[in-house]
Amino acid sequence: MPSTPSPGLADTVPATPPEPPAPKRRSMTAIAAVATLGGLTFGYDTGVIAGALPFMTKSPQAGGLGLTPVTEGLVTASLLLGAAAGAAFGGRLSDRYGRRHNILALAFLFVIGALATALAPNTEAMVVARAVLGIAVGAASTTVPVYLAEIAPAHARGRLVAVDQLMIVTGQLVAYSSNAALAATWGGDQTWRWMLALATIPSTLLYLGMLLMPETPRWYASKERFTEARRTLLRIRDADAGTEAGTDAVDAELDRMREVVEEEKRTARTGGGRSELAVPWVRRVFLIGLGLAVIQQITGINTIMYFAPTILQQTGLGSQAALTATIANGVVAVLASAFSLYLIGRVGRRPLLITGQLGIVASLIAIGVAFSFHAEPGTSASTLRSYLILACMLAFLVFQQAAVSPVTWVMLSEIFPIKIRGLGMGAAVLLLWLVNALVTFTFPILLAGVGGTTTFLVFAALNVLAAAAAARKIPETRNRSLEQIEEHFRTGSPGPAPAA
């Protein structure tokens, strides 16, 4: 039964066709490969600006937009402000109309936004176009992890959601590599427009792929559509598929969903949604989610991902050398994210997060100290300093992408109770994007005003505070089903211990 079309964002996409018939099975691998194209698109759209900015700062006569440090920050941050808006309503829409429906609508919006940025005639149009693209990025960042978490079995949930993080940094690597390739082989006045236009390719593939994917069984269960939830489970659970044992396992999983839904009906406050936050345990989970969002962004990760060429140029590297060196950031981010798929299934979420933060503090201090070394531009000492800072940035990315970022996105997708999962995820990611926008807007101004040493040491101090907060407040959720996590928060009982 097709979902009812949603107003607003959903009106921008053609009517969603019926889901494919139940007999067609969908493996977790196929579902993850398609859904995480949203992460790939998200990553490309956030990473491509790093290579486009040096061209956009040129005068209009030279093919650029004449950006100043302030408008450079505004153009970069406009996507993030749009993402905050997308996160604000994306989660609620996915709660109401379905995760799959939302992803289809967002894929369509990704294409529109990418084309608008590539064709922008001036700074004002670019800011608006980037904000529209940001709406798709923000709503996707709330919907895709929830889609993956709700469709995955408990033992695979951490790795499956972490794949989305891997695809985000893969998208950024693709952006860095294509930026450098376009700049080296063409380097014309309009190069930056082609950089931005390439984002339409993964967006189109995402839309076409999601047409074949199912809605999540937990969303169906939240709407008390248990027949459809069971049918979806039969399509996506591979173990003992088609046997009596497989059917019994599906029915047991469905029974646990039904019990949670019935319990929430008994304890729900009139009005649902935001009124649920009056319940103390729900409010506690909600605040933990907000804290995770702040921790993930206060590291300053996106200052490295968005402004790496700018940072390296300030140390004395030339424009093409800085673009090429930035590819190393993308490669290390992808390798670290791939390693996180191993770590997230074997190490607890909480110790992994805290270890990552401590490594980030050390890396930020090292970058700040390296900036304090003075060297004349164009000398071997200046080049050495540039590559020392690059090495420190790579160390930062290892801790961020192998630990902090995957833990953040996995936990945000799993800690919220089912009745407010979209609302909670939306609010947390809204705050994440707002902090991202604030950091991104102020970073080039700080870098130009007080220099790299002070800027990076300030971030190091903030992360000391964040690590202390995480050590006190963040719970452990590894290898528990979503229903067990919810029961743990509701009752305060430790519940089943995570498997080794």
Protein backbone atom coordinates (compact mmCIF):
# COMPACT_ATOMS: atom_id res chain seq x y z
CA MET A 1 0.00 0.00 0.00
CA PRO A 2 1.70 3.24 -1.09
CA SER A 3 2.34 6.00 1.42
CA THR A 4 0.20 9.13 1.36
CA PRO A 5 2.15 11.97 -0.34
CA SER A 6 3.47 14.51 2.12
CA PRO A 7 3.05 18.27 1.79
CA GLY A 8 5.93 20.66 1.24
CA LEU A 9 9.11 18.76 0.43
CA ALA A 10 7.27 15.68 -0.83
CA ASP A 11 5.40 17.79 -3.38
CA THR A 12 8.68 18.32 -5.26
CA VAL A 13 8.91 14.65 -6.24
CA PRO A 14 6.63 12.67 -8.52
CA ALA A 15 4.13 10.35 -6.84
CA THR A 16 5.87 7.34 -5.31
CA PRO A 17 4.95 4.12 -7.10
CA PRO A 18 3.86 1.07 -5.12
CA GLU A 19 6.59 -0.95 -3.44
CA PRO A 20 7.70 -4.08 -5.29
CA PRO A 21 5.78 -7.28 -4.52
CA ALA A 22 6.73 -9.21 -1.39
CA PRO A 23 8.35 -12.25 -3.05
CA LYS A 24 11.28 -10.15 -4.30
CA ARG A 25 13.95 -10.43 -1.60
CA ARG A 26 16.29 -7.58 -0.73
CA SER A 27 19.59 -8.40 1.00
CA MET A 28 21.13 -6.12 3.61
CA THR A 29 24.04 -5.56 1.23
CA ALA A 30 21.76 -4.31 -1.56
CA ILE A 31 19.73 -2.14 0.81
CA ALA A 32 22.87 -0.60 2.34
CA ALA A 33 24.45 -0.03 -1.09
CA VAL A 34 21.43 1.91 -2.31
CA ALA A 35 20.44 3.81 0.85
CA THR A 36 24.00 4.94 1.52
CA LEU A 37 24.11 6.64 -1.87
CA GLY A 38 22.40 9.34 0.19
CA GLY A 39 25.57 9.51 2.29
CA LEU A 40 27.73 9.59 -0.84
CA THR A 41 25.72 12.52 -2.21
CA PHE A 42 25.80 14.22 1.19
CA GLY A 43 29.61 13.79 1.29
CA TYR A 44 30.16 15.07 -2.24
CA ASP A 45 28.00 18.14 -1.70
CA THR A 46 29.79 19.06 1.54
CA GLY A 47 33.29 18.27 0.25
CA VAL A 48 33.15 19.80 -3.22
CA ILE A 49 33.12 23.33 -1.85
CA ALA A 50 36.74 22.92 -0.68
CA GLY A 51 37.95 22.82 -4.29
CA ALA A 52 35.40 25.24 -5.68
CA LEU A 53 36.12 28.09 -3.23
CA PRO A 54 39.56 29.07 -4.63
CA PHE A 55 37.93 29.55 -8.06
CA MET A 56 34.87 31.32 -6.63
CA THR A 57 37.04 33.88 -4.81
CA LYS A 58 38.30 35.15 -8.18
CA SER A 59 36.69 38.27 -9.63
CA PRO A 60 33.57 37.93 -11.83
CA GLN A 61 35.72 38.97 -14.80
CA ALA A 62 37.97 35.96 -14.14
CA GLY A 63 34.98 33.60 -13.90
CA GLY A 64 34.53 33.64 -10.12
CA LEU A 65 32.07 35.30 -7.76
CA GLY A 66 34.49 37.71 -6.07
CA LEU A 67 34.09 36.16 -2.62
CA THR A 68 35.62 37.88 0.43
CA PRO A 69 36.46 36.03 3.70
CA VAL A 70 32.97 36.92 5.00
CA THR A 71 31.06 35.87 1.87
CA GLU A 72 33.29 32.79 1.60
CA GLY A 73 32.12 31.76 5.06
CA LEU A 74 28.53 32.66 4.14
CA VAL A 75 28.52 30.57 0.95
CA THR A 76 29.98 27.61 2.82
CA ALA A 77 27.72 27.98 5.85
CA SER A 78 24.52 28.52 3.81
CA LEU A 79 24.41 24.80 3.00
CA LEU A 80 24.75 24.07 6.69
CA LEU A 81 21.92 26.44 7.64
CA GLY A 82 19.77 24.77 4.99
CA ALA A 83 20.79 21.42 6.45
CA ALA A 84 19.63 22.57 9.87
CA ALA A 85 16.23 23.44 8.38
CA GLY A 86 16.11 20.07 6.58
CA ALA A 87 16.95 18.24 9.79
CA ALA A 88 14.25 20.16 11.66
CA PHE A 89 11.39 18.79 9.56
CA GLY A 90 13.02 15.80 7.85
CA GLY A 91 12.73 13.58 10.90
CA ARG A 92 9.09 14.48 11.53
CA LEU A 93 8.17 13.85 7.90
CA SER A 94 9.88 10.46 7.98
CA ASP A 95 7.95 9.60 11.15
CA ARG A 96 4.70 10.52 9.46
CA TYR A 97 5.12 9.36 5.86
CA GLY A 98 7.91 6.81 5.97
CA ARG A 99 11.69 6.64 5.70
CA ARG A 100 11.69 5.37 2.11
CA HIS A 101 9.29 8.05 0.92
CA ASN A 102 11.50 10.74 2.45
CA ILE A 103 14.66 9.44 0.79
CA LEU A 104 12.97 9.42 -2.62
CA ALA A 105 11.85 13.02 -2.20
CA LEU A 106 15.29 14.08 -1.04
CA ALA A 107 17.04 12.45 -3.97
CA PHE A 108 14.92 14.61 -6.27
CA LEU A 109 15.79 17.73 -4.26
CA PHE A 110 19.51 16.85 -4.37
CA VAL A 111 19.40 17.00 -8.18
CA ILE A 112 17.60 20.37 -8.21
CA GLY A 113 19.99 21.88 -5.65
CA ALA A 114 23.13 20.66 -7.42
CA LEU A 115 22.01 22.13 -10.74
CA ALA A 116 21.10 25.44 -9.08
CA THR A 117 24.55 25.82 -7.49
CA ALA A 118 26.30 24.98 -10.77
CA LEU A 119 24.32 27.64 -12.63
CA ALA A 120 24.37 30.38 -9.92
CA PRO A 121 25.16 33.76 -11.57
CA ASN A 122 26.20 35.62 -8.40
CA THR A 123 26.89 35.27 -4.68
CA GLU A 124 23.27 35.85 -3.66
CA ALA A 125 22.00 33.11 -5.97
CA MET A 126 24.76 30.77 -4.78
CA VAL A 127 23.78 31.30 -1.14
CA VAL A 128 20.13 30.50 -1.92
CA ALA A 129 21.02 27.47 -4.06
CA ARG A 130 23.38 26.11 -1.41
CA ALA A 131 20.66 26.54 1.22
CA VAL A 132 18.22 24.53 -0.92
CA LEU A 133 20.84 21.83 -1.39
CA GLY A 134 21.43 21.95 2.35
CA ILE A 135 17.78 21.13 3.04
CA ALA A 136 18.29 17.85 1.19
CA VAL A 137 21.59 17.19 3.00
CA GLY A 138 20.08 17.83 6.44
CA ALA A 139 16.93 15.80 5.90
CA ALA A 140 18.99 12.93 4.45
CA SER A 141 21.31 12.99 7.44
CA THR A 142 18.30 12.36 9.71
CA THR A 143 16.52 9.82 7.51
CA VAL A 144 19.20 7.52 6.04
CA PRO A 145 20.77 6.41 9.38
CA VAL A 146 17.31 5.76 10.84
CA TYR A 147 16.32 3.80 7.72
CA LEU A 148 19.43 1.62 8.06
CA ALA A 149 19.08 1.18 11.85
CA GLU A 150 15.43 0.19 11.63
CA ILE A 151 15.93 -2.29 8.81
CA ALA A 152 19.06 -4.02 10.20
CA PRO A 153 19.22 -6.92 12.68
CA ALA A 154 20.75 -5.98 16.06
CA HIS A 155 24.09 -7.72 15.49
CA ALA A 156 24.69 -5.85 12.20
CA ARG A 157 23.15 -2.47 13.05
CA GLY A 158 26.35 -0.71 14.12
CA ARG A 159 28.30 -1.76 11.04
CA LEU A 160 25.40 -1.04 8.67
CA VAL A 161 24.90 2.51 9.98
CA ALA A 162 28.67 3.03 10.00
CA VAL A 163 28.68 2.22 6.27
CA ASP A 164 26.74 5.46 5.80
CA GLN A 165 29.59 7.37 7.45
CA LEU A 166 32.04 5.54 5.16
CA MET A 167 30.00 6.63 2.16
CA ILE A 168 29.94 10.24 3.35
CA VAL A 169 33.74 10.44 3.46
CA THR A 170 33.93 8.47 0.20
CA GLY A 171 31.78 11.18 -1.35
CA GLN A 172 34.17 13.79 0.02
CA LEU A 173 37.14 11.89 -1.43
CA VAL A 174 35.41 11.70 -4.81
CA ALA A 175 34.85 15.46 -4.59
CA TYR A 176 38.49 16.19 -3.71
CA SER A 177 39.78 13.89 -6.46
CA SER A 178 37.47 15.24 -9.16
CA ASN A 179 38.25 18.81 -8.04
CA ALA A 180 41.98 18.22 -8.43
CA ALA A 181 41.52 16.39 -11.75
CA LEU A 182 39.34 19.14 -13.21
CA ALA A 183 41.71 21.85 -12.00
CA ALA A 184 44.76 20.06 -13.43
CA THR A 185 43.31 19.03 -16.79
CA TRP A 186 41.08 22.00 -17.48
CA GLY A 187 41.53 24.79 -14.95
CA GLY A 188 39.26 27.13 -16.90
CA ASP A 189 37.25 30.00 -15.49
CA GLN A 190 34.13 27.83 -15.14
CA THR A 191 35.83 24.76 -13.63
CA TRP A 192 34.05 25.22 -10.31
CA ARG A 193 30.64 24.96 -12.00
CA TRP A 194 31.47 21.49 -13.33
CA MET A 195 32.71 20.49 -9.88
CA LEU A 196 29.30 21.35 -8.44
CA ALA A 197 27.27 19.85 -11.31
CA LEU A 198 28.78 16.36 -10.89
CA ALA A 199 26.69 15.94 -7.70
CA THR A 200 23.66 15.16 -9.89
CA ILE A 201 25.05 11.70 -10.73
CA PRO A 202 24.83 9.99 -7.28
CA SER A 203 21.53 11.81 -6.61
CA THR A 204 19.94 10.27 -9.69
CA LEU A 205 21.26 6.81 -8.80
CA LEU A 206 19.84 7.19 -5.28
CA TYR A 207 16.35 7.94 -6.61
CA LEU A 208 16.35 5.05 -9.06
CA GLY A 209 17.70 2.61 -6.47
CA MET A 210 15.23 3.54 -3.72
CA LEU A 211 12.34 2.78 -6.06
CA LEU A 212 13.25 -0.89 -5.55
CA MET A 213 13.81 -0.80 -1.77
CA PRO A 214 11.25 -1.59 0.98
CA GLU A 215 9.96 0.58 3.79
CA THR A 216 11.34 -0.32 7.24
CA PRO A 217 9.38 -2.86 9.31
CA ARG A 218 9.70 -0.72 12.43
CA TRP A 219 8.05 2.25 10.73
CA TYR A 220 5.17 -0.02 9.71
CA ALA A 221 4.98 -1.30 13.30
CA SER A 222 4.91 2.26 14.67
CA LYS A 223 1.78 2.79 12.53
CA GLU A 224 0.36 -0.56 13.72
CA ARG A 225 0.59 -1.95 10.19
CA PHE A 226 1.91 -5.27 11.43
CA THR A 227 0.99 -7.29 8.34
CA GLU A 228 3.18 -5.05 6.20
CA ALA A 229 5.92 -5.11 8.85
CA ARG A 230 5.94 -8.92 8.77
CA ARG A 231 5.97 -8.99 4.98
CA THR A 232 8.99 -6.68 4.93
CA LEU A 233 10.83 -8.75 7.53
CA LEU A 234 10.31 -11.85 5.41
CA ARG A 235 11.87 -9.99 2.48
CA ILE A 236 14.99 -8.75 4.27
CA ARG A 237 15.95 -11.44 6.80
CA ASP A 238 18.25 -13.82 4.92
CA ALA A 239 19.01 -16.45 7.56
CA ASP A 240 16.90 -19.59 7.07
CA ALA A 241 14.78 -17.66 4.56
CA GLY A 242 11.64 -19.55 3.59
CA THR A 243 12.00 -22.16 6.36
CA GLU A 244 9.91 -22.67 9.47
CA ALA A 245 12.86 -21.55 11.64
CA GLY A 246 13.21 -18.38 9.59
CA THR A 247 9.50 -17.62 9.85
CA ASP A 248 9.57 -18.20 13.63
CA ALA A 249 12.51 -15.77 13.97
CA VAL A 250 10.63 -13.14 11.97
CA ASP A 251 7.51 -13.62 14.11
CA ALA A 252 9.57 -13.30 17.30
CA GLU A 253 11.12 -10.06 16.06
CA LEU A 254 7.70 -8.75 15.11
CA ASP A 255 6.34 -9.67 18.55
CA ARG A 256 9.04 -7.57 20.20
CA MET A 257 8.08 -4.61 18.01
CA ARG A 258 4.41 -5.13 18.85
CA GLU A 259 5.19 -5.21 22.59
CA VAL A 260 7.08 -1.90 22.40
CA VAL A 261 4.27 -0.25 20.42
CA GLU A 262 1.66 -1.51 22.92
CA GLU A 263 3.75 -0.33 25.87
CA GLU A 264 4.14 3.11 24.32
CA LYS A 265 0.37 3.30 23.73
CA ARG A 266 -0.18 2.59 27.42
CA THR A 267 2.34 5.19 28.62
CA ALA A 268 2.05 7.83 25.88
CA ARG A 269 0.88 11.31 26.76
CA THR A 270 -2.04 12.82 24.88
CA GLY A 271 -0.80 14.54 21.75
CA GLY A 272 2.36 12.46 21.33
CA GLY A 273 5.41 13.95 19.65
CA ARG A 274 6.84 16.86 21.63
CA SER A 275 4.52 16.15 24.58
CA GLU A 276 6.43 12.89 25.11
CA LEU A 277 9.42 14.99 26.19
CA ALA A 278 7.60 15.66 29.47
CA VAL A 279 8.34 12.03 30.40
CA PRO A 280 11.64 12.10 32.37
CA TRP A 281 13.32 9.09 30.72
CA VAL A 282 12.37 10.30 27.23
CA ARG A 283 13.71 13.76 28.01
CA ARG A 284 16.98 12.22 29.25
CA VAL A 285 17.44 10.28 26.00
CA PHE A 286 16.59 13.42 24.02
CA LEU A 287 19.27 15.45 25.84
CA ILE A 288 21.87 12.70 25.35
CA GLY A 289 21.14 12.86 21.63
CA LEU A 290 21.63 16.63 21.60
CA GLY A 291 24.90 16.21 23.47
CA LEU A 292 26.19 13.68 20.94
CA ALA A 293 25.43 16.14 18.14
CA VAL A 294 27.42 18.92 19.80
CA ILE A 295 30.34 16.61 20.56
CA GLN A 296 30.58 15.48 16.94
CA GLN A 297 30.79 19.03 15.57
CA ILE A 298 32.79 20.77 18.27
CA THR A 299 35.81 18.74 17.14
CA GLY A 300 36.02 21.11 14.17
CA ILE A 301 35.95 18.25 11.67
CA ASN A 302 34.35 20.34 8.96
CA THR A 303 36.94 23.08 9.23
CA ILE A 304 39.38 20.40 8.05
CA MET A 305 37.06 18.98 5.38
CA TYR A 306 35.82 22.30 3.97
CA PHE A 307 38.87 24.52 4.34
CA ALA A 308 41.86 22.18 3.95
CA PRO A 309 43.11 23.90 0.75
CA THR A 310 42.66 27.32 2.40
CA ILE A 311 44.58 26.18 5.50
CA LEU A 312 47.41 24.71 3.44
CA GLN A 313 47.63 27.79 1.19
CA GLN A 314 47.98 29.94 4.32
CA THR A 315 51.02 27.83 5.31
CA GLY A 316 52.67 28.66 1.98
CA LEU A 317 51.60 25.89 -0.41
CA GLY A 318 50.50 26.90 -3.90
CA SER A 319 46.90 26.52 -5.02
CA GLN A 320 47.35 23.33 -7.12
CA ALA A 321 49.64 21.75 -4.51
CA ALA A 322 47.06 22.45 -1.78
CA LEU A 323 44.26 20.90 -3.86
CA THR A 324 46.35 17.81 -4.55
CA ALA A 325 47.46 17.48 -0.92
CA THR A 326 43.82 17.64 0.17
CA ILE A 327 43.23 14.31 -1.59
CA ALA A 328 45.30 12.76 1.22
CA ASN A 329 42.62 13.97 3.65
CA GLY A 330 39.96 12.16 1.67
CA VAL A 331 41.98 8.94 1.39
CA VAL A 332 42.75 8.82 5.12
CA ALA A 333 39.13 9.64 6.00
CA VAL A 334 37.90 6.75 3.83
CA LEU A 335 40.46 4.30 5.25
CA ALA A 336 39.67 5.34 8.82
CA SER A 337 35.92 5.01 8.19
CA ALA A 338 36.48 1.56 6.70
CA PHE A 339 38.43 0.60 9.83
CA SER A 340 35.52 1.86 11.93
CA LEU A 341 33.38 -0.94 10.45
CA TYR A 342 35.70 -3.36 12.26
CA LEU A 343 35.87 -1.32 15.47
CA ILE A 344 32.17 -0.53 15.82
CA GLY A 345 31.26 -4.24 15.97
CA ARG A 346 33.96 -5.14 18.50
CA VAL A 347 34.46 -2.12 20.76
CA GLY A 348 31.85 -0.45 22.93
CA ARG A 349 30.38 2.81 21.66
CA ARG A 350 31.34 4.76 24.80
CA PRO A 351 35.06 3.86 25.07
CA LEU A 352 35.48 4.29 21.32
CA LEU A 353 33.97 7.79 21.48
CA ILE A 354 36.13 8.89 24.41
CA THR A 355 39.33 7.49 22.87
CA GLY A 356 38.57 9.31 19.63
CA GLN A 357 38.05 12.60 21.43
CA LEU A 358 41.33 12.35 23.32
CA GLY A 359 43.15 11.66 20.04
CA ILE A 360 41.47 14.68 18.50
CA VAL A 361 42.59 16.92 21.37
CA ALA A 362 46.20 15.81 20.84
CA SER A 363 45.95 16.37 17.07
CA LEU A 364 44.47 19.85 17.43
CA ILE A 365 47.22 20.86 19.85
CA ALA A 366 49.81 19.55 17.38
CA ILE A 367 48.28 21.57 14.51
CA GLY A 368 48.27 24.72 16.66
CA VAL A 369 51.90 24.22 17.66
CA ALA A 370 52.94 23.56 14.04
CA PHE A 371 51.30 26.84 12.97
CA SER A 372 53.50 28.68 15.50
CA PHE A 373 56.66 27.70 13.61
CA HIS A 374 57.68 30.67 11.45
CA ALA A 375 59.23 30.17 8.01
CA GLU A 376 59.68 32.37 4.97
CA PRO A 377 57.21 31.50 2.16
CA GLY A 378 58.77 29.49 -0.66
CA THR A 379 61.60 28.07 1.46
CA SER A 380 62.14 24.41 2.30
CA ALA A 381 61.29 25.20 5.93
CA SER A 382 57.93 26.61 4.84
CA THR A 383 57.19 23.51 2.76
CA LEU A 384 58.19 21.29 5.68
CA ARG A 385 55.81 23.19 7.97
CA SER A 386 52.98 22.80 5.44
CA TYR A 387 53.41 19.04 5.30
CA LEU A 388 53.79 18.79 9.08
CA ILE A 389 50.40 20.50 9.44
CA LEU A 390 48.98 18.16 6.80
CA ALA A 391 50.31 15.16 8.78
CA CYS A 392 48.62 16.48 11.95
CA MET A 393 45.36 16.96 10.01
CA LEU A 394 45.57 13.34 8.85
CA ALA A 395 46.05 12.15 12.44
CA PHE A 396 43.00 14.20 13.41
CA LEU A 397 40.97 12.50 10.66
CA VAL A 398 41.96 9.02 11.84
CA PHE A 399 40.48 9.64 15.31
CA GLN A 400 37.45 11.50 13.96
CA GLN A 401 36.44 9.08 11.21
CA ALA A 402 37.40 5.82 12.93
CA ALA A 403 35.81 6.71 16.26
CA VAL A 404 33.89 9.93 16.92
CA SER A 405 31.81 10.27 13.74
CA PRO A 406 30.69 6.63 13.36
CA VAL A 407 29.79 6.35 17.05
CA THR A 408 27.80 9.60 16.85
CA TRP A 409 25.71 8.56 13.85
CA VAL A 410 25.19 4.99 15.07
CA MET A 411 24.05 6.11 18.52
CA LEU A 412 21.79 8.84 17.18
CA SER A 413 20.07 6.23 14.99
CA GLU A 414 19.48 3.80 17.86
CA ILE A 415 18.90 5.59 21.18
CA PHE A 416 15.59 7.38 20.56
CA PRO A 417 12.33 5.52 21.37
CA ILE A 418 10.26 4.61 18.33
CA LYS A 419 7.49 7.18 18.89
CA ILE A 420 9.93 10.10 18.77
CA ARG A 421 12.71 8.55 16.66
CA GLY A 422 12.18 10.97 13.80
CA LEU A 423 11.61 13.94 16.13
CA GLY A 424 14.66 13.09 18.27
CA MET A 425 16.92 12.42 15.31
CA GLY A 426 15.68 15.58 13.62
CA ALA A 427 16.32 17.76 16.68
CA ALA A 428 19.78 16.29 17.28
CA VAL A 429 20.82 16.67 13.65
CA LEU A 430 19.30 20.17 13.56
CA LEU A 431 21.59 21.13 16.44
CA LEU A 432 24.51 19.32 14.76
CA TRP A 433 24.08 21.39 11.60
CA LEU A 434 23.63 24.64 13.54
CA VAL A 435 26.89 24.07 15.40
CA ASN A 436 28.49 23.07 12.09
CA ALA A 437 27.28 26.30 10.49
CA LEU A 438 28.54 28.41 13.40
CA VAL A 439 31.98 26.77 13.32
CA THR A 440 32.17 26.96 9.52
CA PHE A 441 31.16 30.62 9.34
CA THR A 442 33.56 31.76 12.05
CA PHE A 443 36.56 29.60 11.09
CA PRO A 444 37.87 31.61 8.08
CA ILE A 445 37.33 34.82 10.03
CA LEU A 446 39.24 33.43 13.04
CA LEU A 447 42.00 32.04 10.85
CA ALA A 448 42.47 35.41 9.15
CA GLY A 449 42.11 37.37 12.40
CA VAL A 450 44.03 35.50 15.12
CA GLY A 451 45.97 32.92 13.09
CA GLY A 452 46.13 29.15 13.05
CA THR A 453 47.78 28.64 16.44
CA THR A 454 45.12 30.36 18.52
CA THR A 455 42.26 29.01 16.39
CA PHE A 456 43.23 25.35 16.75
CA LEU A 457 44.14 25.61 20.43
CA VAL A 458 40.66 27.01 21.12
CA PHE A 459 39.16 23.94 19.46
CA ALA A 460 41.45 21.71 21.54
CA ALA A 461 40.18 23.32 24.77
CA LEU A 462 36.55 22.86 23.73
CA ASN A 463 37.20 19.18 23.05
CA VAL A 464 38.67 18.62 26.49
CA LEU A 465 35.31 19.76 27.89
CA ALA A 466 33.41 17.57 25.41
CA ALA A 467 35.44 14.48 26.33
CA ALA A 468 34.72 15.04 30.02
CA ALA A 469 30.97 15.36 29.32
CA ALA A 470 30.97 12.17 27.21
CA ALA A 471 32.72 10.22 29.98
CA ARG A 472 29.98 11.20 32.42
CA LYS A 473 26.80 10.96 30.35
CA ILE A 474 27.06 8.66 27.32
CA PRO A 475 25.60 5.13 27.84
CA GLU A 476 26.59 1.85 26.14
CA THR A 477 24.24 0.39 23.47
CA ARG A 478 26.35 -2.10 21.51
CA ASN A 479 24.67 -5.39 20.48
CA ARG A 480 21.31 -4.52 22.02
CA SER A 481 18.19 -4.49 19.88
CA LEU A 482 16.38 -1.17 19.49
CA GLU A 483 13.62 -2.57 21.70
CA GLN A 484 16.14 -3.55 24.43
CA ILE A 485 17.72 -0.09 24.32
CA GLU A 486 14.31 1.52 24.74
CA GLU A 487 13.44 -0.81 27.61
CA HIS A 488 16.74 0.02 29.31
CA PHE A 489 16.05 3.76 29.23
CA ARG A 490 12.40 3.33 30.24
CA THR A 491 13.00 1.10 33.27
CA GLY A 492 16.53 2.07 34.23
CA SER A 493 17.46 -1.62 34.34
CA PRO A 494 20.79 -2.67 32.81
CA GLY A 495 19.06 -5.15 30.48
CA PRO A 496 20.94 -7.87 28.65
CA ALA A 497 24.68 -7.29 28.59
CA PRO A 498 26.16 -6.49 25.19
CA ALA A 499 27.70 -9.52 23.56
CA ALA A 500 31.44 -9.76 23.54
